[in-house]
Amino acid sequence: MKGKSIKIAYEIQQPDAFQEFEELLSAKLEKVSRINKCCKKFMKHIIMLYMYVRGRYNFMNMERYGSYSEKSYRNHFLEKFDFRSFNKIVVEDHCLKHLIIAFDPSYIPKRRKETDNCGYFNNGTVGKAVKELVIDVLAAIDVDIHIGFALEVIQTLSPKELKEQRKTLTDHYAQLIIDRKEPLQKLPKYLVVDGYFTKHDFVLPILEKNKFRDHQQIKIGC
């Protein structure tokens, strides 16, 4: 009952900023093709819910603050959503002309054995291999207003799975960029990465198969 009262208070006393964001969100979702009305309604709900839910972001707490049952939240999260197209629409509508594409892995501490793709990865921050998850982030950065917009987040395969596929971690990273050649065509032609990627196994396959035609279009920063 306490959770329901909080939700009702939110709906009644919703600030103008929230209303404007909700209208903007609805407009962007309408532009995403190949998703039905049910999916658009849920994505609008879940994004707004994340802005005012308290405590843990789990299905039980979502049921407390939201308008769906715990089972409904679980079922919806099993469905796919084209975040890349949605984020691309936001970037195209709100960014200026001077954009670059950035790619960088991020580490998430995780030690449970049941977690998919959890493994020992070399973490440069702590200077050793740590058991964790790695997510690979593609972002569009507006260099005029100094803001980055995430385009897509991809989970890195575990070292065990990479070994089974006879791939190195660098091969995996390069393939991520190559596989996204078509969606990246309308975005800037400059890819920015850090010093870890100063490797032939990463740079050369991308130059051969993607739109980045020369080394001047792949910027390496240390």
C-alpha atoms as a PDB file:
ATOM      1  CA  MET A   1       0.000   0.000   0.000  1.00  0.00           C
ATOM      2  CA  LYS A   2       2.877   2.322   0.792  1.00  0.00           C
ATOM      3  CA  GLY A   3       4.314   1.849  -2.676  1.00  0.00           C
ATOM      4  CA  LYS A   4       0.936   2.580  -4.300  1.00  0.00           C
ATOM      5  CA  SER A   5       0.622   5.845  -2.384  1.00  0.00           C
ATOM      6  CA  ILE A   6       4.047   6.924  -3.592  1.00  0.00           C
ATOM      7  CA  LYS A   7       3.080   6.141  -7.190  1.00  0.00           C
ATOM      8  CA  ILE A   8      -0.191   8.104  -6.906  1.00  0.00           C
ATOM      9  CA  ALA A   9       1.641  11.081  -5.392  1.00  0.00           C
ATOM     10  CA  TYR A  10       4.036  11.010  -8.328  1.00  0.00           C
ATOM     11  CA  GLU A  11       1.196  11.088 -10.820  1.00  0.00           C
ATOM     12  CA  ILE A  12      -0.607  13.969  -9.077  1.00  0.00           C
ATOM     13  CA  GLN A  13       2.389  16.156  -8.232  1.00  0.00           C
ATOM     14  CA  GLN A  14       4.397  15.456 -11.348  1.00  0.00           C
ATOM     15  CA  PRO A  15       6.678  18.460 -12.044  1.00  0.00           C
ATOM     16  CA  ASP A  16       6.672  20.189 -15.424  1.00  0.00           C
ATOM     17  CA  ALA A  17      10.165  18.821 -16.141  1.00  0.00           C
ATOM     18  CA  PHE A  18       8.867  15.257 -15.830  1.00  0.00           C
ATOM     19  CA  GLN A  19       5.923  16.013 -18.098  1.00  0.00           C
ATOM     20  CA  GLU A  20       8.219  17.523 -20.720  1.00  0.00           C
ATOM     21  CA  PHE A  21      10.548  14.535 -20.530  1.00  0.00           C
ATOM     22  CA  GLU A  22       7.610  12.129 -20.818  1.00  0.00           C
ATOM     23  CA  GLU A  23       6.337  13.913 -23.938  1.00  0.00           C
ATOM     24  CA  LEU A  24       9.840  13.932 -25.439  1.00  0.00           C
ATOM     25  CA  LEU A  25      10.258  10.235 -24.658  1.00  0.00           C
ATOM     26  CA  SER A  26       6.931   9.404 -26.329  1.00  0.00           C
ATOM     27  CA  ALA A  27       7.950  11.301 -29.458  1.00  0.00           C
ATOM     28  CA  LYS A  28      11.265   9.420 -29.717  1.00  0.00           C
ATOM     29  CA  LEU A  29       9.631   6.023 -29.182  1.00  0.00           C
ATOM     30  CA  GLU A  30       7.143   6.741 -31.970  1.00  0.00           C
ATOM     31  CA  LYS A  31      10.071   7.072 -34.379  1.00  0.00           C
ATOM     32  CA  VAL A  32      11.444   3.616 -33.581  1.00  0.00           C
ATOM     33  CA  SER A  33      10.288   1.159 -36.219  1.00  0.00           C
ATOM     34  CA  ARG A  34       9.565  -2.543 -35.849  1.00  0.00           C
ATOM     35  CA  ILE A  35       8.204  -2.325 -32.282  1.00  0.00           C
ATOM     36  CA  ASN A  36       4.531  -2.638 -31.350  1.00  0.00           C
ATOM     37  CA  LYS A  37       2.391  -0.349 -29.168  1.00  0.00           C
ATOM     38  CA  CYS A  38       2.681  -2.662 -26.165  1.00  0.00           C
ATOM     39  CA  CYS A  39       6.469  -2.473 -26.284  1.00  0.00           C
ATOM     40  CA  LYS A  40       6.437   1.324 -26.669  1.00  0.00           C
ATOM     41  CA  LYS A  41       4.077   1.669 -23.706  1.00  0.00           C
ATOM     42  CA  PHE A  42       6.254  -0.525 -21.504  1.00  0.00           C
ATOM     43  CA  MET A  43       9.521   1.186 -22.480  1.00  0.00           C
ATOM     44  CA  LYS A  44       8.012   4.584 -21.716  1.00  0.00           C
ATOM     45  CA  HIS A  45       6.830   3.267 -18.353  1.00  0.00           C
ATOM     46  CA  ILE A  46      10.121   1.607 -17.376  1.00  0.00           C
ATOM     47  CA  ILE A  47      12.291   4.600 -18.300  1.00  0.00           C
ATOM     48  CA  MET A  48      10.072   6.923 -16.256  1.00  0.00           C
ATOM     49  CA  LEU A  49       9.991   4.382 -13.420  1.00  0.00           C
ATOM     50  CA  TYR A  50      13.795   4.337 -13.203  1.00  0.00           C
ATOM     51  CA  MET A  51      13.737   8.062 -12.467  1.00  0.00           C
ATOM     52  CA  TYR A  52      11.777   7.853  -9.228  1.00  0.00           C
ATOM     53  CA  VAL A  53      12.015   4.291  -7.878  1.00  0.00           C
ATOM     54  CA  ARG A  54      13.848   3.974  -4.558  1.00  0.00           C
ATOM     55  CA  GLY A  55      16.113   1.171  -3.420  1.00  0.00           C
ATOM     56  CA  ARG A  56      17.149  -1.743  -5.591  1.00  0.00           C
ATOM     57  CA  TYR A  57      16.252  -1.921  -9.264  1.00  0.00           C
ATOM     58  CA  ASN A  58      14.734  -5.392  -9.202  1.00  0.00           C
ATOM     59  CA  PHE A  59      11.379  -6.771 -10.322  1.00  0.00           C
ATOM     60  CA  MET A  60       9.946  -6.903  -6.818  1.00  0.00           C
ATOM     61  CA  ASN A  61      10.683  -3.231  -6.225  1.00  0.00           C
ATOM     62  CA  MET A  62       9.403  -2.322  -9.684  1.00  0.00           C
ATOM     63  CA  GLU A  63       6.080  -3.940  -8.799  1.00  0.00           C
ATOM     64  CA  ARG A  64       5.964  -1.837  -5.628  1.00  0.00           C
ATOM     65  CA  TYR A  65       6.452   1.491  -7.416  1.00  0.00           C
ATOM     66  CA  GLY A  66       5.165   0.664 -10.890  1.00  0.00           C
ATOM     67  CA  SER A  67       1.884  -0.394 -12.454  1.00  0.00           C
ATOM     68  CA  TYR A  68       2.803  -3.927 -13.623  1.00  0.00           C
ATOM     69  CA  SER A  69       3.076  -7.171 -11.681  1.00  0.00           C
ATOM     70  CA  GLU A  70       6.464  -8.701 -10.943  1.00  0.00           C
ATOM     71  CA  LYS A  71       5.755 -11.456 -13.473  1.00  0.00           C
ATOM     72  CA  SER A  72       4.888  -8.904 -16.159  1.00  0.00           C
ATOM     73  CA  TYR A  73       8.152  -7.071 -15.593  1.00  0.00           C
ATOM     74  CA  ARG A  74      10.057 -10.343 -15.924  1.00  0.00           C
ATOM     75  CA  ASN A  75       8.250 -11.248 -19.149  1.00  0.00           C
ATOM     76  CA  HIS A  76       8.815  -7.836 -20.721  1.00  0.00           C
ATOM     77  CA  PHE A  77      12.515  -7.900 -19.865  1.00  0.00           C
ATOM     78  CA  LEU A  78      12.824 -11.148 -21.810  1.00  0.00           C
ATOM     79  CA  GLU A  79      11.732  -9.300 -24.957  1.00  0.00           C
ATOM     80  CA  LYS A  80      14.268  -7.513 -27.158  1.00  0.00           C
ATOM     81  CA  PHE A  81      14.245  -3.766 -27.708  1.00  0.00           C
ATOM     82  CA  ASP A  82      16.208  -1.921 -30.395  1.00  0.00           C
ATOM     83  CA  PHE A  83      18.135   0.418 -28.085  1.00  0.00           C
ATOM     84  CA  ARG A  84      20.649   1.203 -30.811  1.00  0.00           C
ATOM     85  CA  SER A  85      17.984   2.675 -33.113  1.00  0.00           C
ATOM     86  CA  PHE A  86      16.322   4.508 -30.242  1.00  0.00           C
ATOM     87  CA  ASN A  87      19.591   6.049 -29.062  1.00  0.00           C
ATOM     88  CA  LYS A  88      20.566   6.912 -32.627  1.00  0.00           C
ATOM     89  CA  ILE A  89      17.311   8.867 -33.012  1.00  0.00           C
ATOM     90  CA  VAL A  90      18.097  10.851 -29.861  1.00  0.00           C
ATOM     91  CA  VAL A  91      21.609  11.623 -31.120  1.00  0.00           C
ATOM     92  CA  GLU A  92      20.431  12.699 -34.577  1.00  0.00           C
ATOM     93  CA  ASP A  93      17.696  14.940 -33.138  1.00  0.00           C
ATOM     94  CA  HIS A  94      19.679  16.675 -30.399  1.00  0.00           C
ATOM     95  CA  CYS A  95      23.369  16.693 -31.273  1.00  0.00           C
ATOM     96  CA  LEU A  96      25.253  19.262 -33.312  1.00  0.00           C
ATOM     97  CA  LYS A  97      27.388  18.545 -36.376  1.00  0.00           C
ATOM     98  CA  HIS A  98      30.725  17.802 -34.703  1.00  0.00           C
ATOM     99  CA  LEU A  99      30.437  14.207 -33.494  1.00  0.00           C
ATOM    100  CA  ILE A 100      32.853  11.363 -32.899  1.00  0.00           C
ATOM    101  CA  ILE A 101      32.237   7.711 -32.075  1.00  0.00           C
ATOM    102  CA  ALA A 102      33.885   6.378 -28.923  1.00  0.00           C
ATOM    103  CA  PHE A 103      34.351   2.749 -27.935  1.00  0.00           C
ATOM    104  CA  ASP A 104      35.452   1.615 -24.490  1.00  0.00           C
ATOM    105  CA  PRO A 105      34.938  -1.453 -22.267  1.00  0.00           C
ATOM    106  CA  SER A 106      33.755  -0.965 -18.680  1.00  0.00           C
ATOM    107  CA  TYR A 107      34.027  -3.366 -15.766  1.00  0.00           C
ATOM    108  CA  ILE A 108      31.261  -4.449 -13.408  1.00  0.00           C
ATOM    109  CA  PRO A 109      32.250  -6.383 -10.248  1.00  0.00           C
ATOM    110  CA  LYS A 110      30.393  -9.696 -10.205  1.00  0.00           C
ATOM    111  CA  ARG A 111      31.358 -12.917  -8.471  1.00  0.00           C
ATOM    112  CA  ARG A 112      28.321 -15.199  -8.605  1.00  0.00           C
ATOM    113  CA  LYS A 113      28.902 -18.369 -10.604  1.00  0.00           C
ATOM    114  CA  GLU A 114      25.411 -18.220 -12.158  1.00  0.00           C
ATOM    115  CA  THR A 115      26.063 -14.921 -13.953  1.00  0.00           C
ATOM    116  CA  ASP A 116      26.489 -15.356 -17.710  1.00  0.00           C
ATOM    117  CA  ASN A 117      29.861 -14.362 -19.205  1.00  0.00           C
ATOM    118  CA  CYS A 118      31.408 -13.687 -15.819  1.00  0.00           C
ATOM    119  CA  GLY A 119      35.145 -14.410 -15.825  1.00  0.00           C
ATOM    120  CA  TYR A 120      38.628 -13.172 -15.030  1.00  0.00           C
ATOM    121  CA  PHE A 121      39.501 -10.086 -17.072  1.00  0.00           C
ATOM    122  CA  ASN A 122      42.573  -7.888 -16.874  1.00  0.00           C
ATOM    123  CA  ASN A 123      41.451  -4.702 -15.142  1.00  0.00           C
ATOM    124  CA  GLY A 124      43.838  -1.825 -15.781  1.00  0.00           C
ATOM    125  CA  THR A 125      42.473   0.188 -12.855  1.00  0.00           C
ATOM    126  CA  VAL A 126      43.582  -2.357 -10.252  1.00  0.00           C
ATOM    127  CA  GLY A 127      46.443  -3.757 -12.323  1.00  0.00           C
ATOM    128  CA  LYS A 128      45.441  -7.418 -12.178  1.00  0.00           C
ATOM    129  CA  ALA A 129      42.921  -9.987 -13.408  1.00  0.00           C
ATOM    130  CA  VAL A 130      39.614  -9.677 -11.557  1.00  0.00           C
ATOM    131  CA  LYS A 131      36.484 -11.809 -11.716  1.00  0.00           C
ATOM    132  CA  GLU A 132      33.849  -9.525 -13.180  1.00  0.00           C
ATOM    133  CA  LEU A 133      31.598  -8.700 -16.109  1.00  0.00           C
ATOM    134  CA  VAL A 134      32.742  -6.504 -18.966  1.00  0.00           C
ATOM    135  CA  ILE A 135      30.393  -4.336 -21.021  1.00  0.00           C
ATOM    136  CA  ASP A 136      31.505  -2.737 -24.288  1.00  0.00           C
ATOM    137  CA  VAL A 137      30.093   0.761 -24.767  1.00  0.00           C
ATOM    138  CA  LEU A 138      29.638   2.494 -28.128  1.00  0.00           C
ATOM    139  CA  ALA A 139      28.852   6.188 -27.734  1.00  0.00           C
ATOM    140  CA  ALA A 140      28.422   9.292 -29.858  1.00  0.00           C
ATOM    141  CA  ILE A 141      30.202  12.311 -28.372  1.00  0.00           C
ATOM    142  CA  ASP A 142      29.240  15.866 -29.236  1.00  0.00           C
ATOM    143  CA  VAL A 143      32.535  17.736 -29.062  1.00  0.00           C
ATOM    144  CA  ASP A 144      30.811  21.138 -29.098  1.00  0.00           C
ATOM    145  CA  ILE A 145      28.725  20.640 -25.945  1.00  0.00           C
ATOM    146  CA  HIS A 146      31.036  18.013 -24.380  1.00  0.00           C
ATOM    147  CA  ILE A 147      28.331  15.399 -23.861  1.00  0.00           C
ATOM    148  CA  GLY A 148      28.379  11.714 -24.747  1.00  0.00           C
ATOM    149  CA  PHE A 149      25.289   9.723 -25.694  1.00  0.00           C
ATOM    150  CA  ALA A 150      25.386   5.940 -25.392  1.00  0.00           C
ATOM    151  CA  LEU A 151      24.454   4.185 -28.624  1.00  0.00           C
ATOM    152  CA  GLU A 152      24.707   0.575 -27.530  1.00  0.00           C
ATOM    153  CA  VAL A 153      26.069  -1.587 -24.721  1.00  0.00           C
ATOM    154  CA  ILE A 154      27.250  -5.123 -25.531  1.00  0.00           C
ATOM    155  CA  GLN A 155      28.292  -7.702 -22.977  1.00  0.00           C
ATOM    156  CA  THR A 156      31.752  -9.177 -23.540  1.00  0.00           C
ATOM    157  CA  LEU A 157      31.987 -12.929 -23.839  1.00  0.00           C
ATOM    158  CA  SER A 158      33.789 -14.708 -21.024  1.00  0.00           C
ATOM    159  CA  PRO A 159      37.394 -15.887 -21.586  1.00  0.00           C
ATOM    160  CA  LYS A 160      36.075 -19.462 -21.627  1.00  0.00           C
ATOM    161  CA  GLU A 161      33.614 -18.733 -24.448  1.00  0.00           C
ATOM    162  CA  LEU A 162      36.202 -16.770 -26.420  1.00  0.00           C
ATOM    163  CA  LYS A 163      38.560 -19.726 -26.183  1.00  0.00           C
ATOM    164  CA  GLU A 164      35.849 -22.079 -27.441  1.00  0.00           C
ATOM    165  CA  GLN A 165      35.312 -19.794 -30.447  1.00  0.00           C
ATOM    166  CA  ARG A 166      39.094 -19.549 -30.967  1.00  0.00           C
ATOM    167  CA  LYS A 167      39.002 -15.773 -30.595  1.00  0.00           C
ATOM    168  CA  THR A 168      41.094 -13.351 -28.600  1.00  0.00           C
ATOM    169  CA  LEU A 169      39.549 -10.461 -26.697  1.00  0.00           C
ATOM    170  CA  THR A 170      40.948  -8.074 -29.317  1.00  0.00           C
ATOM    171  CA  ASP A 171      39.307 -10.126 -32.098  1.00  0.00           C
ATOM    172  CA  HIS A 172      36.011  -9.844 -30.227  1.00  0.00           C
ATOM    173  CA  TYR A 173      36.284  -6.052 -29.918  1.00  0.00           C
ATOM    174  CA  ALA A 174      37.166  -5.604 -33.591  1.00  0.00           C
ATOM    175  CA  GLN A 175      34.253  -7.794 -34.677  1.00  0.00           C
ATOM    176  CA  LEU A 176      31.825  -5.680 -32.651  1.00  0.00           C
ATOM    177  CA  ILE A 177      32.735  -2.628 -34.716  1.00  0.00           C
ATOM    178  CA  ILE A 178      32.697  -4.560 -38.002  1.00  0.00           C
ATOM    179  CA  ASP A 179      29.249  -6.074 -37.283  1.00  0.00           C
ATOM    180  CA  ARG A 180      27.844  -2.571 -36.791  1.00  0.00           C
ATOM    181  CA  LYS A 181      29.052  -1.187 -40.093  1.00  0.00           C
ATOM    182  CA  GLU A 182      25.578  -0.445 -41.469  1.00  0.00           C
ATOM    183  CA  PRO A 183      24.142   1.356 -38.377  1.00  0.00           C
ATOM    184  CA  LEU A 184      27.298   3.456 -38.130  1.00  0.00           C
ATOM    185  CA  GLN A 185      27.165   4.604 -41.770  1.00  0.00           C
ATOM    186  CA  LYS A 186      25.104   7.729 -41.029  1.00  0.00           C
ATOM    187  CA  LEU A 187      27.167   8.642 -37.970  1.00  0.00           C
ATOM    188  CA  PRO A 188      30.615  10.302 -37.865  1.00  0.00           C
ATOM    189  CA  LYS A 189      33.526   8.512 -39.516  1.00  0.00           C
ATOM    190  CA  TYR A 190      35.912   8.986 -36.604  1.00  0.00           C
ATOM    191  CA  LEU A 191      36.362   6.227 -34.045  1.00  0.00           C
ATOM    192  CA  VAL A 192      38.115   7.129 -30.768  1.00  0.00           C
ATOM    193  CA  VAL A 193      39.604   4.442 -28.498  1.00  0.00           C
ATOM    194  CA  ASP A 194      42.221   4.310 -25.753  1.00  0.00           C
ATOM    195  CA  GLY A 195      45.790   3.023 -25.868  1.00  0.00           C
ATOM    196  CA  TYR A 196      44.798  -0.609 -25.270  1.00  0.00           C
ATOM    197  CA  PHE A 197      43.598  -0.815 -28.865  1.00  0.00           C
ATOM    198  CA  THR A 198      46.927   0.083 -30.492  1.00  0.00           C
ATOM    199  CA  LYS A 199      47.072  -3.399 -31.976  1.00  0.00           C
ATOM    200  CA  HIS A 200      47.116  -4.654 -35.554  1.00  0.00           C
ATOM    201  CA  ASP A 201      44.486  -7.270 -34.650  1.00  0.00           C
ATOM    202  CA  PHE A 202      42.059  -4.458 -33.829  1.00  0.00           C
ATOM    203  CA  VAL A 203      42.897  -1.701 -36.318  1.00  0.00           C
ATOM    204  CA  LEU A 204      43.552  -3.600 -39.553  1.00  0.00           C
ATOM    205  CA  PRO A 205      40.316  -5.679 -39.701  1.00  0.00           C
ATOM    206  CA  ILE A 206      38.271  -2.513 -39.126  1.00  0.00           C
ATOM    207  CA  LEU A 207      40.137  -0.612 -41.852  1.00  0.00           C
ATOM    208  CA  GLU A 208      39.561  -3.483 -44.271  1.00  0.00           C
ATOM    209  CA  LYS A 209      35.857  -4.044 -43.630  1.00  0.00           C
ATOM    210  CA  ASN A 210      34.413  -0.825 -42.193  1.00  0.00           C
ATOM    211  CA  LYS A 211      34.053   2.760 -43.343  1.00  0.00           C
ATOM    212  CA  PHE A 212      37.193   3.887 -41.493  1.00  0.00           C
ATOM    213  CA  ARG A 213      39.462   3.974 -44.538  1.00  0.00           C
ATOM    214  CA  ASP A 214      42.732   5.114 -43.006  1.00  0.00           C
ATOM    215  CA  HIS A 215      44.526   5.468 -39.696  1.00  0.00           C
ATOM    216  CA  GLN A 216      43.649   9.169 -39.541  1.00  0.00           C
ATOM    217  CA  GLN A 217      40.047   8.175 -38.854  1.00  0.00           C
ATOM    218  CA  ILE A 218      40.874   5.972 -35.856  1.00  0.00           C
ATOM    219  CA  LYS A 219      42.169   8.131 -33.035  1.00  0.00           C
ATOM    220  CA  ILE A 220      44.140   6.458 -30.253  1.00  0.00           C
ATOM    221  CA  GLY A 221      44.276   8.230 -26.885  1.00  0.00           C
ATOM    222  CA  CYS A 222      46.418   7.281 -23.895  1.00  0.00           C
END
